[in-house]
Every structure is written in structure tokens, then in C-alpha cells.
Protein backbone atom coordinates (compact mmCIF):
# COMPACT_ATOMS: atom_id res chain seq x y z
CA UNK A 1 114.45 112.25 112.04
CA UNK A 2 115.91 109.67 109.69
CA UNK A 3 113.48 107.93 107.35
CA UNK A 4 114.99 104.64 108.55
CA UNK A 5 113.50 105.35 111.96
CA UNK A 6 109.97 105.77 110.66
CA UNK A 7 109.72 103.36 107.73
CA UNK A 8 107.75 100.26 108.68
CA UNK A 9 106.11 97.38 106.83
CA UNK A 10 103.27 95.82 108.91
CA UNK A 11 103.36 92.05 109.23
CA UNK A 12 101.65 91.24 112.56
CA UNK A 13 98.06 90.06 112.73
CA UNK A 14 95.50 92.07 114.68
CA UNK A 15 95.31 89.58 117.60
CA UNK A 16 99.11 89.71 117.88
CA UNK A 17 98.95 93.51 117.87
CA UNK A 18 96.37 93.44 120.67
CA UNK A 19 98.59 91.20 122.80
CA UNK A 20 101.60 93.37 122.00
CA UNK A 21 99.66 96.51 123.02
CA UNK A 22 98.60 94.89 126.31
CA UNK A 23 102.19 94.00 127.20
CA UNK A 24 103.62 97.33 126.04
CA UNK A 25 101.09 99.29 128.11
CA UNK A 26 102.73 97.83 131.23
CA UNK A 27 105.96 99.74 130.53
CA UNK A 28 106.40 102.81 132.73
CA UNK A 29 108.82 104.31 130.20
CA UNK A 30 105.97 105.14 127.80
CA UNK A 31 104.32 108.57 127.70
CA UNK A 32 101.72 108.78 130.45
CA UNK A 33 98.74 108.67 128.08
CA UNK A 34 99.76 105.12 127.03
CA UNK A 35 100.65 103.60 130.42
CA UNK A 36 98.09 100.95 131.49
CA UNK A 37 95.99 101.88 128.45
CA UNK A 38 96.42 99.18 125.79
CA UNK A 39 93.59 100.66 123.72
CA UNK A 40 95.59 103.90 123.39
CA UNK A 41 98.68 101.90 122.44
CA UNK A 42 96.71 100.00 119.80
CA UNK A 43 95.26 103.26 118.46
CA UNK A 44 98.78 104.68 118.02
CA UNK A 45 99.95 101.44 116.40
CA UNK A 46 97.07 101.51 113.91
CA UNK A 47 97.78 105.18 113.17
CA UNK A 48 101.42 104.22 112.71
CA UNK A 49 100.40 101.48 110.29
CA UNK A 50 98.60 104.12 108.19
CA UNK A 51 101.70 106.33 108.24
CA UNK A 52 104.07 103.43 107.56
CA UNK A 53 106.07 103.90 110.78
CA UNK A 54 107.09 101.55 113.58
CA UNK A 55 104.84 101.16 116.65
CA UNK A 56 107.39 102.80 118.96
CA UNK A 57 107.83 105.72 116.57
CA UNK A 58 104.05 106.18 116.60
CA UNK A 59 103.75 105.89 120.39
CA UNK A 60 106.58 108.33 121.11
CA UNK A 61 105.77 110.71 118.24
CA UNK A 62 101.95 110.83 118.21
CA UNK A 63 100.11 112.58 121.04
CA UNK A 64 96.33 112.90 121.35
CA UNK A 65 95.33 116.34 122.66
CA UNK A 66 91.61 116.75 123.44
CA UNK A 67 90.81 113.88 121.09
CA UNK A 68 92.92 115.26 118.23
CA UNK A 69 96.07 113.41 117.13
CA UNK A 70 99.18 115.56 116.94
CA UNK A 71 102.80 114.82 116.07
CA UNK A 72 106.19 116.14 117.06
CA UNK A 73 108.00 118.30 114.53
CA UNK A 74 110.66 115.55 114.34
CA UNK A 75 108.07 112.96 113.28
CA UNK A 76 106.55 115.33 110.71
CA UNK A 77 110.04 115.94 109.31
CA UNK A 78 110.57 112.20 109.04
CA UNK A 79 107.26 111.69 107.22
CA UNK A 80 108.07 114.45 104.73
CA UNK A 81 111.50 113.00 103.96
CA UNK A 82 110.14 109.43 103.91
CA UNK A 83 107.79 110.53 101.11
CA UNK A 84 110.84 111.60 99.08
CA UNK A 85 110.47 115.36 99.47
CA UNK A 86 113.44 117.59 100.34
CA UNK A 87 113.15 119.48 103.63
CA UNK A 88 115.65 122.17 104.60
CA UNK A 89 115.56 123.90 108.00
CA UNK A 90 117.78 126.50 109.59
CA UNK A 91 117.36 129.06 112.33
CA UNK A 92 118.46 130.62 115.60
CA UNK A 93 116.89 132.30 118.62
CA UNK A 94 115.51 135.13 116.45
CA UNK A 95 113.99 133.36 113.45
CA UNK A 96 113.66 130.01 111.69
CA UNK A 97 113.28 129.16 108.00
CA UNK A 98 111.98 125.93 106.45
CA UNK A 99 111.67 124.92 102.82
CA UNK A 100 110.18 121.86 101.09
CA UNK A 101 110.88 120.90 97.48
CA UNK A 102 108.45 118.22 96.36
CA UNK A 103 109.83 115.11 94.70
CA UNK A 104 107.17 115.30 91.97
CA UNK A 105 107.93 118.96 91.16
CA UNK A 106 111.71 119.42 91.60
CA UNK A 107 111.90 122.42 89.25
CA UNK A 108 109.60 124.51 91.44
CA UNK A 109 111.40 126.85 93.84
CA UNK A 110 109.66 125.13 96.72
CA UNK A 111 107.41 126.08 99.59
CA UNK A 112 108.99 128.36 102.18
CA UNK A 113 107.95 129.52 105.65
CA UNK A 114 109.70 131.90 108.05
CA UNK A 115 108.88 132.21 111.74
CA UNK A 116 110.29 135.11 113.76
CA UNK A 117 110.15 136.04 117.42
CA UNK A 118 108.05 139.06 116.45
CA UNK A 119 105.55 136.73 114.77
CA UNK A 120 105.53 134.53 117.88
CA UNK A 121 104.83 137.58 120.05
CA UNK A 122 101.98 138.62 117.77
CA UNK A 123 100.51 135.11 118.14
CA UNK A 124 100.81 135.28 121.94
CA UNK A 125 103.42 132.49 122.10
CA UNK A 126 106.65 134.20 123.11
CA UNK A 127 105.51 134.63 126.71
CA UNK A 128 105.30 130.88 127.31
CA UNK A 129 108.03 129.38 129.47
CA UNK A 130 109.19 126.92 126.81
CA UNK A 131 109.47 129.74 124.26
CA UNK A 132 111.59 131.77 126.67
CA UNK A 133 113.94 128.83 127.33
CA UNK A 134 114.13 127.27 123.85
CA UNK A 135 113.16 129.89 121.25
CA UNK A 136 115.22 128.31 118.44
CA UNK A 137 113.62 124.87 118.85
CA UNK A 138 110.12 126.34 119.02
CA UNK A 139 110.64 128.55 115.97
CA UNK A 140 111.97 125.61 113.92
CA UNK A 141 109.05 123.40 114.99
CA UNK A 142 106.50 126.03 113.90
CA UNK A 143 108.26 126.55 110.57
CA UNK A 144 108.44 122.80 109.86
CA UNK A 145 104.77 122.07 110.58
CA UNK A 146 103.49 125.09 108.67
CA UNK A 147 105.53 124.37 105.55
CA UNK A 148 104.55 120.68 105.70
CA UNK A 149 100.86 121.59 105.78
CA UNK A 150 101.36 123.87 102.78
CA UNK A 151 103.59 121.63 100.66
CA UNK A 152 102.60 118.02 101.30
CA UNK A 153 99.54 117.63 103.47
CA UNK A 154 98.91 114.20 101.94
CA UNK A 155 101.81 112.64 103.89
CA UNK A 156 100.51 113.83 107.29
CA UNK A 157 97.28 111.75 107.38
CA UNK A 158 95.61 114.16 109.79
CA UNK A 159 98.72 114.97 111.87
CA UNK A 160 98.54 118.65 111.02
CA UNK A 161 99.70 120.13 114.31
CA UNK A 162 102.25 119.67 117.07
CA UNK A 163 101.02 119.26 120.68
CA UNK A 164 102.23 122.78 121.42
CA UNK A 165 100.05 124.18 118.62
CA UNK A 166 97.03 122.48 120.21
CA UNK A 167 97.70 124.16 123.56
CA UNK A 168 99.70 121.50 125.41
CA UNK A 169 102.62 122.35 127.69
CA UNK A 170 105.70 120.87 126.03
CA UNK A 171 109.43 120.49 126.62
CA UNK A 172 112.20 121.56 124.22
CA UNK A 173 111.58 118.45 122.07
CA UNK A 174 107.87 119.23 121.74
CA UNK A 175 106.79 116.37 124.02
CA UNK A 176 103.72 117.18 126.17
CA UNK A 177 104.33 117.57 129.87
CA UNK A 178 101.90 117.40 132.78
CA UNK A 179 100.20 120.65 133.75
CA UNK A 180 102.15 122.94 136.12
CA UNK A 181 101.28 122.81 139.82
CA UNK A 182 99.01 125.64 140.89
CA UNK A 183 99.56 127.55 144.12
CA UNK A 184 97.01 126.45 146.75
CA UNK A 185 95.37 128.73 149.31
CA UNK A 186 92.87 128.25 152.10
CA UNK A 187 89.18 128.89 151.46
CA UNK A 188 87.42 131.20 153.87
CA UNK A 189 84.11 130.21 155.45
CA UNK A 190 81.20 130.94 153.12
CA UNK A 191 83.49 131.37 150.11
CA UNK A 192 82.97 128.98 147.16
CA UNK A 193 85.84 126.55 146.64
CA UNK A 194 87.55 127.56 143.36
CA UNK A 195 88.99 124.03 143.03
CA UNK A 196 85.66 122.26 143.37
CA UNK A 197 84.65 120.60 140.11
CA UNK A 198 81.21 119.53 139.05
CA UNK A 199 80.33 116.05 137.96
CA UNK A 200 81.80 115.74 134.42
CA UNK A 201 78.83 113.59 133.38
CA UNK A 202 76.39 116.36 134.31
CA UNK A 203 77.61 118.65 131.50
CA UNK A 204 78.75 115.91 129.12
CA UNK A 205 76.82 115.41 125.88
CA UNK A 206 77.71 112.15 124.11
CA UNK A 207 77.86 111.97 120.34
CA UNK A 208 74.37 110.61 119.40
CA UNK A 209 75.43 108.23 116.59
CA UNK A 210 78.47 107.19 118.58
CA UNK A 211 76.39 106.44 121.67
CA UNK A 212 73.98 104.29 119.65
CA UNK A 213 76.90 102.41 118.13
CA UNK A 214 78.45 101.87 121.58
CA UNK A 215 75.15 100.40 122.79
CA UNK A 216 75.20 97.92 119.90
CA UNK A 217 78.82 97.09 120.67
CA UNK A 218 77.92 96.31 124.28
CA UNK A 219 75.47 93.69 123.03
CA UNK A 220 77.87 92.17 120.45
CA UNK A 221 78.73 88.51 121.03
CA UNK A 222 81.73 87.95 118.73
CA UNK A 223 84.65 89.76 117.13
CA UNK A 224 83.22 89.52 113.63
CA UNK A 225 80.31 91.76 114.63
CA UNK A 226 82.65 94.06 116.54
CA UNK A 227 84.92 94.42 113.50
CA UNK A 228 81.90 95.46 111.45
CA UNK A 229 80.96 98.04 114.12
CA UNK A 230 84.52 99.40 114.15
CA UNK A 231 84.35 99.73 110.38
CA UNK A 232 81.00 101.55 110.68
CA UNK A 233 82.47 103.93 113.26
CA UNK A 234 85.38 104.77 110.96
CA UNK A 235 82.99 105.58 108.13
CA UNK A 236 80.21 107.52 109.82
CA UNK A 237 81.40 108.80 113.22
CA UNK A 238 84.10 111.47 113.75
CA UNK A 239 87.43 110.16 115.03
CA UNK A 240 87.19 112.30 118.19
CA UNK A 241 83.59 111.30 119.06
CA UNK A 242 83.06 110.70 122.79
CA UNK A 243 80.39 108.65 124.50
CA UNK A 244 79.34 107.36 127.92
CA UNK A 245 80.96 103.93 127.98
CA UNK A 246 78.26 101.29 128.69
CA UNK A 247 80.66 99.28 130.89
CA UNK A 248 81.70 102.17 133.16
CA UNK A 249 79.04 104.89 132.57
CA UNK A 250 81.97 107.32 132.32
CA UNK A 251 82.88 109.65 129.41
CA UNK A 252 85.15 107.81 126.99
CA UNK A 253 86.42 107.98 123.41
CA UNK A 254 84.21 105.84 121.17
CA UNK A 255 87.12 104.20 119.34
CA UNK A 256 88.89 103.32 122.58
CA UNK A 257 85.72 101.70 123.89
CA UNK A 258 85.21 99.73 120.66
CA UNK A 259 88.79 98.40 120.69
CA UNK A 260 88.46 97.51 124.37
CA UNK A 261 85.19 95.71 123.67
CA UNK A 262 86.76 93.88 120.70
CA UNK A 263 89.61 92.60 122.89
CA UNK A 264 87.11 91.22 125.44
CA UNK A 265 85.32 88.99 122.95
CA UNK A 266 86.39 85.41 122.07
CA UNK A 267 87.93 84.41 118.76
CA UNK A 268 85.85 82.62 116.12
CA UNK A 269 86.38 78.98 115.19
CA UNK A 270 87.41 77.90 111.69
CA UNK A 271 84.60 76.95 109.33
CA UNK A 272 84.28 74.28 106.64
CA UNK A 273 85.44 75.02 103.06
CA UNK A 274 82.88 76.96 101.04
CA UNK A 275 81.95 77.10 97.34
CA UNK A 276 82.88 80.29 95.47
CA UNK A 277 81.33 80.70 92.01
CA UNK A 278 80.85 76.93 91.66
CA UNK A 279 84.45 76.08 92.64
CA UNK A 280 85.39 74.49 95.97
CA UNK A 281 88.05 76.67 97.57
CA UNK A 282 90.22 74.73 100.00
CA UNK A 283 91.20 76.10 103.39
CA UNK A 284 88.68 78.94 103.20
CA UNK A 285 87.46 80.21 106.55
CA UNK A 286 84.46 82.22 107.49
CA UNK A 287 85.61 85.71 108.45
CA UNK A 288 87.74 85.38 111.59
CA UNK A 289 88.72 88.29 113.77
CA UNK A 290 91.84 88.88 111.68
CA UNK A 291 90.06 88.44 108.35
CA UNK A 292 87.17 90.69 109.41
CA UNK A 293 89.63 93.34 110.57
CA UNK A 294 91.43 93.23 107.22
CA UNK A 295 88.15 93.52 105.28
CA UNK A 296 86.95 96.33 107.57
CA UNK A 297 90.21 98.24 107.06
CA UNK A 298 89.92 97.80 103.28
CA UNK A 299 86.31 99.05 103.22
CA UNK A 300 87.17 101.99 105.48
CA UNK A 301 90.03 103.03 103.18
CA UNK A 302 87.94 102.77 100.01
CA UNK A 303 85.02 104.62 101.62
CA UNK A 304 87.32 107.48 102.63
CA UNK A 305 88.29 107.81 98.98
CA UNK A 306 84.71 107.85 97.70
CA UNK A 307 84.63 104.29 96.36
CA UNK A 308 81.25 102.58 96.68
CA UNK A 309 80.99 99.24 98.46
CA UNK A 310 80.15 97.29 95.29
CA UNK A 311 82.96 98.93 93.34
CA UNK A 312 85.41 98.17 96.16
CA UNK A 313 84.39 94.50 96.02
CA UNK A 314 84.84 94.43 92.25
CA UNK A 315 88.27 96.04 92.44
CA UNK A 316 89.41 93.65 95.16
CA UNK A 317 88.17 90.67 93.14
CA UNK A 318 90.09 91.88 90.08
CA UNK A 319 93.28 92.47 92.08
CA UNK A 320 93.18 89.30 94.18
CA UNK A 321 91.58 86.89 91.70
CA UNK A 322 88.82 85.97 94.17
CA UNK A 323 86.21 87.63 96.42
CA UNK A 324 87.38 89.13 99.70
CA UNK A 325 85.75 86.32 101.67
CA UNK A 326 87.83 83.73 99.79
CA UNK A 327 91.32 85.14 100.30
CA UNK A 328 93.70 85.12 103.25
CA UNK A 329 93.89 88.19 105.51
CA UNK A 330 97.53 88.76 104.54
CA UNK A 331 96.55 89.19 100.89
CA UNK A 332 94.01 91.85 101.89
CA UNK A 333 96.54 93.67 104.09
CA UNK A 334 99.07 93.57 101.21
CA UNK A 335 96.49 95.00 98.82
CA UNK A 336 95.62 97.73 101.32
CA UNK A 337 99.30 98.60 101.75
CA UNK A 338 99.68 98.93 97.98
CA UNK A 339 96.63 101.21 97.78
CA UNK A 340 97.91 103.38 100.64
CA UNK A 341 101.32 103.66 98.97
CA UNK A 342 99.66 104.66 95.69
């Protein structure tokens, strides 16, 4: 995958991204997990923003399997090369070889991984239909992802595995397919129905902190509060946490519910100019949905890197020349982009 296909500089505001996600979810050309699910589209877009790739590259290249994000080998290759590292791959139906030479250590011989059919058999993979039909593609994909995890895990941002490695049925390009049709048979009288499923809610245990946060989100009255709750979820609740959605009483991903709840709430009105350190700052607004989202993203990033809240405020003030509440959302997004690049 060319780095030109994945490189992306975010410019859209969060409300614009929400509207874009809602319209894009109507397209029947998207992978099934994104059709009619704008929250899933927005999740992929936000993940793409972190990776620095376009929304469509994120939607077509990122697949969530059992709550875990995964990426195609092509996308992982693009991320490695986008970071400036050299990736070499070659192989055939018997074995595949991949090598990465890091841009910051060009004199090192590099990280190398070899995948063979014998190794695939030992791992119980060679018997799968896709491995029988496309052994070369599967061997290359395994070699690419393994060497990327070894050599430059920092460019993957959690996309450590392909869908096939997480147990999904995939095609030759590594794109998940729907489950194969099972052969049906009649059930004899008195015999339990093997296809009968129990109520999923009966055996479902919601994440306790996530469920409490979802309850608070259901009572939220504006997007500013919701943005703070989203920030709290990113800091303290696992990304794959699932809850019983208060609006449907059905099992749901916490982050999908929070983004859906955020989109339901009205925007905030502009406020009067405020005084910052004794100086009247013109055109300053109270945190709007976009401003709150930018601040929440900044705090989430700094928290992930072990920076305390007060220190994050001090660093932002030094970089921007004013407190976070007194600068435009774009300035915060630009600062965050610089930190992510660094």
C-alpha cells in the first residue's frame, strides 16, 4: 500500500465528522459492520485520525473482531512505510519472508521473519479454506504483521493483528467475510434443537465501570458533559468494554453508545467573552462541542503517556500562549497532531 493512500491531515470539525459518518453509513458499498452504523464509521474515522490515514482507508482497512480492532496486512505495510521504515517482502506458496529496516537505525541488519507452510500446519492454519486457495497471500500477511510487531510496534497504535489472526473468515485480501452457511437438518421429537440460542442478556455481564458511565451518559443534557464522559471512558475503561445500552437494554459497545448519545444531544450556544488572567480575550467561547472534543482528545492523549492533568495544562499553556479554554479548537487539534507526530 502506498504511503500516499494512507497519509492524512485532519481538518474537519467533530460535528462535520458526525454528519459525514451518518451519510457514509448509508452506502451499501461499505463493509457490513459499517452499513447503517454511523457510530462504527465515526469510530474508524477517529482511529484513522490517530494513525494519520484517510477515513476511507480506515473504514476499508480496520475491522473490529470481538471488540478488538484489527488491520489488513496491506494497511499495516502502509503504516510501516509511512513512518519511514523500509519493508521488504517476498514469498511463494511454500514460504514468505519479510524484513524491516528502521529509519532510525539503518545500520542494523533489520528485523526478519519467515513463515512456511510447515509452520502454518503446526499452528493449525493450513487446513483453512483460504490457506488452501491462497497460501502465498496468507504466508506474506503473517510475515508482515509479525515483523511489524517486532520492529515498529509504535506505528500500529493497537492494530497488532489481522482479522484472520483473530479468527475471522477472510478472503485472499484478508477482508473478513460472513460466516459459512451450515447444513440444516430436521430435529426429531423430544430432541433439543441444536440451533436454539439462549437470551444473550441472560449470560451477559456488563463492564461495571462502563455500565455506571453509560447510566450517567443517559442522563447527560448537553454535548459538553458528554465530551467529558467520552474522555473519562478513554482514560479509565477498556476500549472493548461492553454494557447494556440504557436506550435499548441490549448488549452494546460502551464507546459506540457514548458516540450515539453525543450525536443525539443539541449543540451549545456561544458565550460572552471572558477574562483570562486579567486580560479580556475577544471571541472566546465557553467550551462548545467541538472545543470540548478537542480538549478531551488532548487530555486523553496526555493521560495515555503518563502526563498529569495539571502538567498537561501547563504544557498546553506554554505551547499555545494561553489556557486551553481560551484558544480555538483548531489550535488544540494542531497541537495534538504535533504531539502524536513526535
